[in-house]
């Protein structure tokens, strides 16, 4: 019984190791943008910048910017931000976009231009970053931002 257990625990030659680690999204670097509690302006074009890492291979990245006028939460950050009063959306900004990551990258500095329309509701928003590695493990980073 012991020998069967030992043999089954051994990795066969040429057998691929299973990736069980989540990818990481680093927004702590000085040039990362946006940051928790950051402010953006209507009509502004900015560069989203974050360092993406995985132990094996990165897969895909998507960004979701949506209003937080009702004060719901999915922030993954410890720091809380000053919020405007709860309000009903009239013309909120919504962006859901996927971005390519070159194949077989373990580390990648994502830099993507994003434009905020001039005619959207100002206020509290969430900037959600979803990073999936090649095996399908996903990490979500939720930032609270304000659009003026």
N, C-alpha and C. Protein backbone atom coordinates (compact mmCIF):
# COMPACT_ATOMS: atom_id res chain seq x y z
N UNK A 1 0.83 -1.19 0.00
CA UNK A 1 0.00 0.00 0.00
C UNK A 1 0.88 1.25 0.00
N UNK A 2 1.93 1.26 0.81
CA UNK A 2 2.83 2.40 0.90
C UNK A 2 3.56 2.64 -0.42
N UNK A 3 3.99 1.57 -1.07
CA UNK A 3 4.71 1.71 -2.35
C UNK A 3 3.78 2.23 -3.45
N UNK A 4 2.51 1.85 -3.44
CA UNK A 4 1.55 2.36 -4.42
C UNK A 4 1.35 3.86 -4.21
N UNK A 5 1.25 4.28 -2.96
CA UNK A 5 1.08 5.69 -2.64
C UNK A 5 2.31 6.49 -3.09
N UNK A 6 3.50 5.99 -2.83
CA UNK A 6 4.74 6.67 -3.23
C UNK A 6 4.83 6.78 -4.75
N UNK A 7 4.50 5.71 -5.47
CA UNK A 7 4.58 5.73 -6.93
C UNK A 7 3.56 6.68 -7.54
N UNK A 8 2.38 6.76 -6.95
CA UNK A 8 1.35 7.63 -7.50
C UNK A 8 1.67 9.10 -7.22
N UNK A 9 2.48 9.38 -6.21
CA UNK A 9 2.85 10.76 -5.88
C UNK A 9 3.98 11.27 -6.76
N UNK A 10 4.69 10.40 -7.42
CA UNK A 10 5.81 10.81 -8.29
C UNK A 10 5.29 11.35 -9.61
N UNK A 11 5.94 12.39 -10.06
CA UNK A 11 5.59 12.98 -11.35
C UNK A 11 6.28 12.18 -12.44
N UNK A 12 5.52 11.80 -13.45
CA UNK A 12 6.08 11.06 -14.58
C UNK A 12 6.91 11.99 -15.45
N UNK A 13 7.92 11.46 -16.08
CA UNK A 13 8.78 12.24 -16.95
C UNK A 13 7.96 12.83 -18.09
N UNK A 14 8.16 14.13 -18.33
CA UNK A 14 7.44 14.81 -19.40
C UNK A 14 6.05 15.29 -18.99
N UNK A 15 5.61 14.92 -17.79
CA UNK A 15 4.29 15.34 -17.33
C UNK A 15 4.34 16.81 -16.89
N UNK A 16 3.40 17.59 -17.35
CA UNK A 16 3.34 19.01 -17.03
C UNK A 16 2.85 19.22 -15.60
N UNK A 17 3.54 20.12 -14.89
CA UNK A 17 3.12 20.46 -13.53
C UNK A 17 1.85 21.31 -13.61
N UNK A 18 0.93 21.05 -12.71
CA UNK A 18 -0.35 21.77 -12.71
C UNK A 18 -0.18 23.13 -12.05
N UNK A 19 -0.61 24.17 -12.73
CA UNK A 19 -0.55 25.54 -12.21
C UNK A 19 -1.75 25.75 -11.28
N UNK A 20 -1.49 26.04 -10.01
CA UNK A 20 -2.57 26.29 -9.05
C UNK A 20 -2.43 27.66 -8.40
N UNK A 21 -1.60 28.54 -8.96
CA UNK A 21 -1.39 29.87 -8.39
C UNK A 21 -2.17 30.93 -9.15
N UNK A 22 -2.71 31.86 -8.38
CA UNK A 22 -3.43 32.99 -8.97
C UNK A 22 -2.43 33.99 -9.55
N UNK A 23 -2.80 34.68 -10.63
CA UNK A 23 -1.95 35.76 -11.12
C UNK A 23 -2.04 36.96 -10.18
N UNK A 24 -1.13 37.92 -10.32
CA UNK A 24 -1.15 39.09 -9.46
C UNK A 24 -1.23 40.37 -10.29
N UNK A 25 -1.89 41.37 -9.70
CA UNK A 25 -2.04 42.70 -10.28
C UNK A 25 -1.37 43.66 -9.32
N UNK A 26 -0.30 44.31 -9.76
CA UNK A 26 0.43 45.23 -8.89
C UNK A 26 0.11 46.66 -9.29
N UNK A 27 -0.61 47.36 -8.42
CA UNK A 27 -0.91 48.77 -8.64
C UNK A 27 -0.21 49.63 -7.59
N UNK A 28 0.81 49.05 -6.96
CA UNK A 28 1.52 49.78 -5.91
C UNK A 28 2.72 50.57 -6.43
N UNK A 29 3.17 50.29 -7.63
CA UNK A 29 4.32 51.01 -8.19
C UNK A 29 4.00 52.49 -8.32
N UNK A 30 5.01 53.31 -8.26
CA UNK A 30 4.83 54.76 -8.32
C UNK A 30 4.11 55.20 -9.59
N UNK A 31 4.42 54.56 -10.71
CA UNK A 31 3.81 54.97 -11.99
C UNK A 31 2.54 54.19 -12.33
N UNK A 32 2.06 53.33 -11.42
CA UNK A 32 0.79 52.62 -11.66
C UNK A 32 -0.35 53.64 -11.61
N UNK A 33 -1.37 53.40 -12.42
CA UNK A 33 -2.49 54.34 -12.46
C UNK A 33 -3.73 53.65 -12.99
N UNK A 34 -4.89 53.91 -12.42
CA UNK A 34 -5.16 54.80 -11.30
C UNK A 34 -4.86 54.12 -9.97
N UNK A 35 -4.89 54.90 -8.92
CA UNK A 35 -4.68 54.42 -7.56
C UNK A 35 -6.01 54.48 -6.81
N UNK A 36 -6.08 53.73 -5.70
CA UNK A 36 -7.25 53.78 -4.83
C UNK A 36 -7.50 55.24 -4.41
N UNK A 37 -8.74 55.68 -4.50
CA UNK A 37 -9.20 57.03 -4.16
C UNK A 37 -8.70 58.10 -5.13
N UNK A 38 -8.20 57.67 -6.28
CA UNK A 38 -7.72 58.63 -7.28
C UNK A 38 -8.87 59.36 -7.94
N UNK A 39 -8.53 60.48 -8.58
CA UNK A 39 -9.53 61.30 -9.25
C UNK A 39 -9.17 61.43 -10.73
N UNK A 40 -10.18 61.26 -11.57
CA UNK A 40 -10.06 61.45 -13.01
C UNK A 40 -11.04 62.54 -13.42
N UNK A 41 -10.86 63.09 -14.61
CA UNK A 41 -11.72 64.17 -15.08
C UNK A 41 -12.45 63.77 -16.35
N UNK A 42 -13.69 64.25 -16.46
CA UNK A 42 -14.46 64.03 -17.68
C UNK A 42 -13.72 64.66 -18.85
N UNK A 43 -13.72 63.97 -19.99
CA UNK A 43 -13.02 64.45 -21.16
C UNK A 43 -11.53 64.15 -21.15
N UNK A 44 -11.05 63.54 -20.09
CA UNK A 44 -9.62 63.24 -19.95
C UNK A 44 -9.26 61.92 -20.61
N UNK A 45 -8.07 61.89 -21.18
CA UNK A 45 -7.49 60.63 -21.68
C UNK A 45 -6.35 60.31 -20.72
N UNK A 46 -6.36 59.10 -20.17
CA UNK A 46 -5.32 58.71 -19.23
C UNK A 46 -4.77 57.35 -19.61
N UNK A 47 -3.63 57.01 -19.03
CA UNK A 47 -3.02 55.72 -19.29
C UNK A 47 -3.20 54.82 -18.07
N UNK A 48 -3.98 53.76 -18.25
CA UNK A 48 -4.07 52.72 -17.23
C UNK A 48 -2.74 51.99 -17.24
N UNK A 49 -2.14 51.82 -16.06
CA UNK A 49 -0.83 51.18 -15.98
C UNK A 49 -0.78 50.29 -14.74
N UNK A 50 -0.48 49.00 -14.95
CA UNK A 50 -0.34 48.04 -13.84
C UNK A 50 0.63 46.94 -14.26
N UNK A 51 1.35 46.41 -13.29
CA UNK A 51 2.27 45.31 -13.55
C UNK A 51 1.52 44.00 -13.28
N UNK A 52 1.48 43.13 -14.28
CA UNK A 52 0.77 41.85 -14.20
C UNK A 52 1.80 40.73 -14.11
N UNK A 53 1.57 39.76 -13.22
CA UNK A 53 2.52 38.66 -13.05
C UNK A 53 1.79 37.34 -12.87
N UNK A 54 2.45 36.26 -13.30
CA UNK A 54 1.96 34.91 -13.07
C UNK A 54 3.16 33.96 -13.01
N UNK A 55 3.02 32.90 -12.27
CA UNK A 55 4.11 31.93 -12.13
C UNK A 55 4.35 31.13 -13.41
N UNK A 56 3.33 30.99 -14.26
CA UNK A 56 3.46 30.17 -15.47
C UNK A 56 3.26 31.01 -16.74
N UNK A 57 2.05 31.50 -16.97
CA UNK A 57 1.77 32.30 -18.16
C UNK A 57 0.50 33.11 -17.96
N UNK A 58 0.56 34.39 -18.31
CA UNK A 58 -0.60 35.26 -18.24
C UNK A 58 -1.58 34.90 -19.36
N UNK A 59 -2.84 35.22 -19.16
CA UNK A 59 -3.86 34.93 -20.16
C UNK A 59 -4.48 36.19 -20.72
N UNK A 60 -5.46 36.76 -20.01
CA UNK A 60 -6.18 37.92 -20.52
C UNK A 60 -6.47 38.91 -19.40
N UNK A 61 -6.79 40.13 -19.81
CA UNK A 61 -7.10 41.19 -18.86
C UNK A 61 -8.36 41.90 -19.31
N UNK A 62 -9.22 42.24 -18.36
CA UNK A 62 -10.37 43.07 -18.69
C UNK A 62 -10.54 44.15 -17.63
N UNK A 63 -11.10 45.25 -18.07
CA UNK A 63 -11.37 46.39 -17.19
C UNK A 63 -12.86 46.68 -17.24
N UNK A 64 -13.40 47.00 -16.07
CA UNK A 64 -14.81 47.34 -15.93
C UNK A 64 -14.86 48.61 -15.08
N UNK A 65 -15.29 49.72 -15.69
CA UNK A 65 -15.48 50.97 -14.95
C UNK A 65 -16.98 51.20 -14.91
N UNK A 66 -17.52 51.32 -13.71
CA UNK A 66 -18.97 51.54 -13.56
C UNK A 66 -19.23 52.43 -12.34
N UNK A 67 -20.41 53.05 -12.33
CA UNK A 67 -20.74 53.99 -11.24
C UNK A 67 -20.92 53.27 -9.91
N UNK A 68 -20.67 54.03 -8.86
CA UNK A 68 -20.90 53.56 -7.50
C UNK A 68 -21.75 54.59 -6.77
N UNK A 69 -22.76 55.09 -7.45
CA UNK A 69 -23.61 56.12 -6.86
C UNK A 69 -24.46 55.58 -5.72
N UNK A 70 -24.63 54.26 -5.65
CA UNK A 70 -25.43 53.63 -4.58
C UNK A 70 -24.56 53.11 -3.43
N UNK A 71 -23.25 53.34 -3.51
CA UNK A 71 -22.27 52.94 -2.48
C UNK A 71 -22.16 51.44 -2.29
N UNK A 72 -22.38 50.65 -3.35
CA UNK A 72 -22.12 49.21 -3.25
C UNK A 72 -20.60 49.03 -3.18
N UNK A 73 -20.17 47.84 -2.87
CA UNK A 73 -18.73 47.66 -2.71
C UNK A 73 -18.23 46.37 -3.35
N UNK A 74 -17.06 46.44 -3.94
CA UNK A 74 -16.24 45.30 -4.27
C UNK A 74 -14.79 45.74 -4.28
N UNK A 75 -14.50 46.72 -3.47
CA UNK A 75 -13.12 47.18 -3.37
C UNK A 75 -12.28 46.10 -2.73
N UNK A 76 -11.09 45.94 -3.22
CA UNK A 76 -10.15 44.97 -2.64
C UNK A 76 -9.07 45.71 -1.86
N UNK A 77 -9.21 47.02 -1.74
CA UNK A 77 -8.21 47.84 -1.06
C UNK A 77 -8.63 48.10 0.37
N UNK A 78 -7.65 48.31 1.24
CA UNK A 78 -7.90 48.56 2.66
C UNK A 78 -8.34 50.01 2.87
N UNK A 79 -7.71 50.93 2.15
CA UNK A 79 -8.00 52.35 2.30
C UNK A 79 -9.41 52.67 1.81
N UNK A 80 -10.21 53.35 2.65
CA UNK A 80 -11.55 53.77 2.24
C UNK A 80 -11.47 55.20 1.70
N UNK A 81 -12.36 55.52 0.81
CA UNK A 81 -12.35 56.82 0.15
C UNK A 81 -13.54 57.65 0.61
N UNK A 82 -13.42 58.98 0.51
CA UNK A 82 -14.52 59.87 0.80
C UNK A 82 -15.53 59.75 -0.34
N UNK A 83 -16.79 59.52 0.03
CA UNK A 83 -17.83 59.29 -0.97
C UNK A 83 -18.77 60.48 -1.05
N UNK A 84 -19.28 60.74 -2.26
CA UNK A 84 -20.35 61.72 -2.45
C UNK A 84 -21.64 61.13 -1.91
N UNK A 85 -22.67 61.95 -1.80
CA UNK A 85 -23.98 61.48 -1.36
C UNK A 85 -24.53 60.48 -2.38
N UNK A 86 -25.34 59.53 -1.91
CA UNK A 86 -26.00 58.57 -2.80
C UNK A 86 -26.90 59.35 -3.77
N UNK A 87 -26.88 58.94 -5.05
CA UNK A 87 -27.70 59.61 -6.06
C UNK A 87 -28.11 58.61 -7.12
N UNK A 88 -29.13 58.97 -7.88
CA UNK A 88 -29.59 58.13 -8.99
C UNK A 88 -28.77 58.48 -10.24
N UNK A 89 -28.32 57.48 -10.98
CA UNK A 89 -27.58 57.76 -12.21
C UNK A 89 -28.50 58.32 -13.29
N UNK A 90 -27.98 59.27 -14.05
CA UNK A 90 -28.70 59.82 -15.20
C UNK A 90 -27.99 59.37 -16.48
N UNK A 91 -26.69 59.65 -16.55
CA UNK A 91 -25.88 59.21 -17.69
C UNK A 91 -24.51 58.76 -17.16
N UNK A 92 -24.49 57.59 -16.49
CA UNK A 92 -23.23 57.13 -15.91
C UNK A 92 -22.28 56.58 -16.97
N UNK A 93 -20.99 56.65 -16.65
CA UNK A 93 -19.96 56.07 -17.52
C UNK A 93 -19.92 54.57 -17.28
N UNK A 94 -19.84 53.80 -18.35
CA UNK A 94 -19.69 52.35 -18.26
C UNK A 94 -18.71 51.92 -19.34
N UNK A 95 -17.66 51.24 -18.91
CA UNK A 95 -16.68 50.69 -19.84
C UNK A 95 -16.39 49.26 -19.42
N UNK A 96 -16.61 48.33 -20.31
CA UNK A 96 -16.22 46.94 -20.10
C UNK A 96 -15.43 46.55 -21.33
N UNK A 97 -14.14 46.32 -21.14
CA UNK A 97 -13.25 46.12 -22.27
C UNK A 97 -12.20 45.07 -21.93
N UNK A 98 -11.91 44.19 -22.88
CA UNK A 98 -10.84 43.20 -22.75
C UNK A 98 -9.63 43.68 -23.52
N UNK A 99 -8.45 43.34 -23.00
CA UNK A 99 -7.20 43.75 -23.63
C UNK A 99 -6.30 42.54 -23.79
N UNK A 100 -5.53 42.54 -24.86
CA UNK A 100 -4.62 41.43 -25.16
C UNK A 100 -3.34 41.53 -24.34
N UNK A 101 -2.83 40.38 -23.98
CA UNK A 101 -1.51 40.23 -23.38
C UNK A 101 -0.73 39.31 -24.31
N UNK A 102 0.48 39.71 -24.70
CA UNK A 102 1.26 38.83 -25.59
C UNK A 102 1.39 37.42 -25.01
N UNK A 103 1.41 36.42 -25.86
CA UNK A 103 1.44 35.01 -25.45
C UNK A 103 2.70 34.68 -24.63
N UNK A 104 2.52 33.76 -23.70
CA UNK A 104 3.60 33.18 -22.90
C UNK A 104 4.37 34.17 -22.05
N UNK A 105 3.71 35.23 -21.62
CA UNK A 105 4.34 36.21 -20.73
C UNK A 105 4.10 35.82 -19.27
N UNK A 106 5.13 35.91 -18.47
CA UNK A 106 4.98 35.70 -17.02
C UNK A 106 4.89 37.03 -16.29
N UNK A 107 5.40 38.08 -16.89
CA UNK A 107 5.35 39.42 -16.34
C UNK A 107 5.11 40.38 -17.49
N UNK A 108 4.18 41.32 -17.28
CA UNK A 108 3.83 42.23 -18.36
C UNK A 108 3.36 43.56 -17.77
N UNK A 109 3.94 44.65 -18.24
CA UNK A 109 3.49 45.98 -17.85
C UNK A 109 2.37 46.39 -18.80
N UNK A 110 1.15 46.39 -18.30
CA UNK A 110 0.00 46.78 -19.12
C UNK A 110 -0.09 48.29 -19.12
N UNK A 111 -0.14 48.87 -20.30
CA UNK A 111 -0.34 50.29 -20.49
C UNK A 111 -1.41 50.45 -21.55
N UNK A 112 -2.52 51.05 -21.16
CA UNK A 112 -3.65 51.16 -22.08
C UNK A 112 -4.27 52.55 -21.96
N UNK A 113 -4.46 53.22 -23.08
CA UNK A 113 -5.10 54.53 -23.11
C UNK A 113 -6.61 54.37 -22.97
N UNK A 114 -7.19 55.17 -22.08
CA UNK A 114 -8.64 55.16 -21.87
C UNK A 114 -9.12 56.61 -21.86
N UNK A 115 -10.20 56.88 -22.56
CA UNK A 115 -10.77 58.22 -22.59
C UNK A 115 -12.10 58.23 -21.85
N UNK A 116 -12.27 59.21 -20.99
CA UNK A 116 -13.53 59.37 -20.26
C UNK A 116 -14.38 60.40 -21.02
N UNK A 117 -15.59 60.04 -21.40
CA UNK A 117 -16.43 60.99 -22.13
C UNK A 117 -16.71 62.25 -21.32
N UNK A 118 -16.99 63.34 -22.01
CA UNK A 118 -17.24 64.62 -21.33
C UNK A 118 -18.65 64.73 -20.76
N UNK A 119 -19.59 63.97 -21.32
CA UNK A 119 -21.00 64.15 -20.98
C UNK A 119 -21.55 63.11 -20.01
N UNK A 120 -20.70 62.52 -19.17
CA UNK A 120 -21.17 61.50 -18.22
C UNK A 120 -21.37 62.11 -16.83
N UNK A 121 -22.11 61.39 -15.99
CA UNK A 121 -22.32 61.83 -14.61
C UNK A 121 -21.00 61.82 -13.84
N UNK A 122 -20.66 62.91 -13.16
CA UNK A 122 -19.51 62.88 -12.27
C UNK A 122 -19.89 62.13 -10.99
N UNK A 123 -18.89 61.69 -10.25
CA UNK A 123 -19.16 61.04 -8.97
C UNK A 123 -18.26 59.86 -8.71
N UNK A 124 -18.74 58.98 -7.85
CA UNK A 124 -17.98 57.81 -7.41
C UNK A 124 -18.12 56.67 -8.41
N UNK A 125 -16.98 56.03 -8.71
CA UNK A 125 -16.95 54.92 -9.66
C UNK A 125 -16.05 53.81 -9.13
N UNK A 126 -16.24 52.64 -9.68
CA UNK A 126 -15.34 51.51 -9.43
C UNK A 126 -14.52 51.27 -10.70
N UNK A 127 -13.24 50.97 -10.49
CA UNK A 127 -12.33 50.62 -11.58
C UNK A 127 -11.90 49.19 -11.28
N UNK A 128 -12.56 48.23 -11.93
CA UNK A 128 -12.32 46.81 -11.68
C UNK A 128 -11.35 46.26 -12.71
N UNK A 129 -10.32 45.56 -12.22
CA UNK A 129 -9.32 44.94 -13.08
C UNK A 129 -9.43 43.43 -12.86
N UNK A 130 -9.64 42.69 -13.94
CA UNK A 130 -9.73 41.23 -13.86
C UNK A 130 -8.62 40.63 -14.71
N UNK A 131 -7.74 39.88 -14.05
CA UNK A 131 -6.62 39.24 -14.72
C UNK A 131 -6.78 37.74 -14.62
N UNK A 132 -6.73 37.07 -15.77
CA UNK A 132 -6.85 35.62 -15.82
C UNK A 132 -5.55 35.06 -16.39
N UNK A 133 -5.05 33.99 -15.75
CA UNK A 133 -3.84 33.37 -16.31
C UNK A 133 -4.24 32.33 -17.34
N UNK A 134 -3.24 31.73 -17.98
CA UNK A 134 -3.49 30.79 -19.07
C UNK A 134 -4.29 29.56 -18.62
N UNK A 135 -4.15 29.18 -17.35
CA UNK A 135 -4.89 28.03 -16.82
C UNK A 135 -6.32 28.36 -16.41
N UNK A 136 -6.63 29.66 -16.30
CA UNK A 136 -7.99 30.06 -15.94
C UNK A 136 -8.14 30.62 -14.54
N UNK A 137 -7.05 30.70 -13.76
CA UNK A 137 -7.13 31.31 -12.43
C UNK A 137 -7.28 32.82 -12.61
N UNK A 138 -8.18 33.42 -11.80
CA UNK A 138 -8.47 34.84 -11.97
C UNK A 138 -8.25 35.61 -10.68
N UNK A 139 -7.69 36.80 -10.81
CA UNK A 139 -7.53 37.74 -9.71
C UNK A 139 -8.29 39.01 -10.07
N UNK A 140 -8.97 39.57 -9.08
CA UNK A 140 -9.72 40.80 -9.28
C UNK A 140 -9.17 41.87 -8.34
N UNK A 141 -8.94 43.04 -8.89
CA UNK A 141 -8.51 44.20 -8.11
C UNK A 141 -9.57 45.26 -8.31
N UNK A 142 -10.20 45.69 -7.22
CA UNK A 142 -11.26 46.69 -7.29
C UNK A 142 -10.82 47.99 -6.65
N UNK A 143 -10.73 49.04 -7.44
CA UNK A 143 -10.33 50.35 -6.95
C UNK A 143 -11.53 51.29 -6.93
N UNK A 144 -11.61 52.12 -5.91
CA UNK A 144 -12.62 53.17 -5.87
C UNK A 144 -11.98 54.45 -6.39
N UNK A 145 -12.63 55.08 -7.37
CA UNK A 145 -12.12 56.32 -7.95
C UNK A 145 -13.26 57.33 -8.02
N UNK A 146 -12.90 58.57 -8.27
CA UNK A 146 -13.88 59.62 -8.45
C UNK A 146 -13.66 60.25 -9.81
N UNK A 147 -14.73 60.50 -10.54
CA UNK A 147 -14.66 61.22 -11.81
C UNK A 147 -15.32 62.57 -11.60
N UNK A 148 -14.57 63.63 -11.85
CA UNK A 148 -15.05 65.01 -11.65
C UNK A 148 -15.54 65.59 -12.97
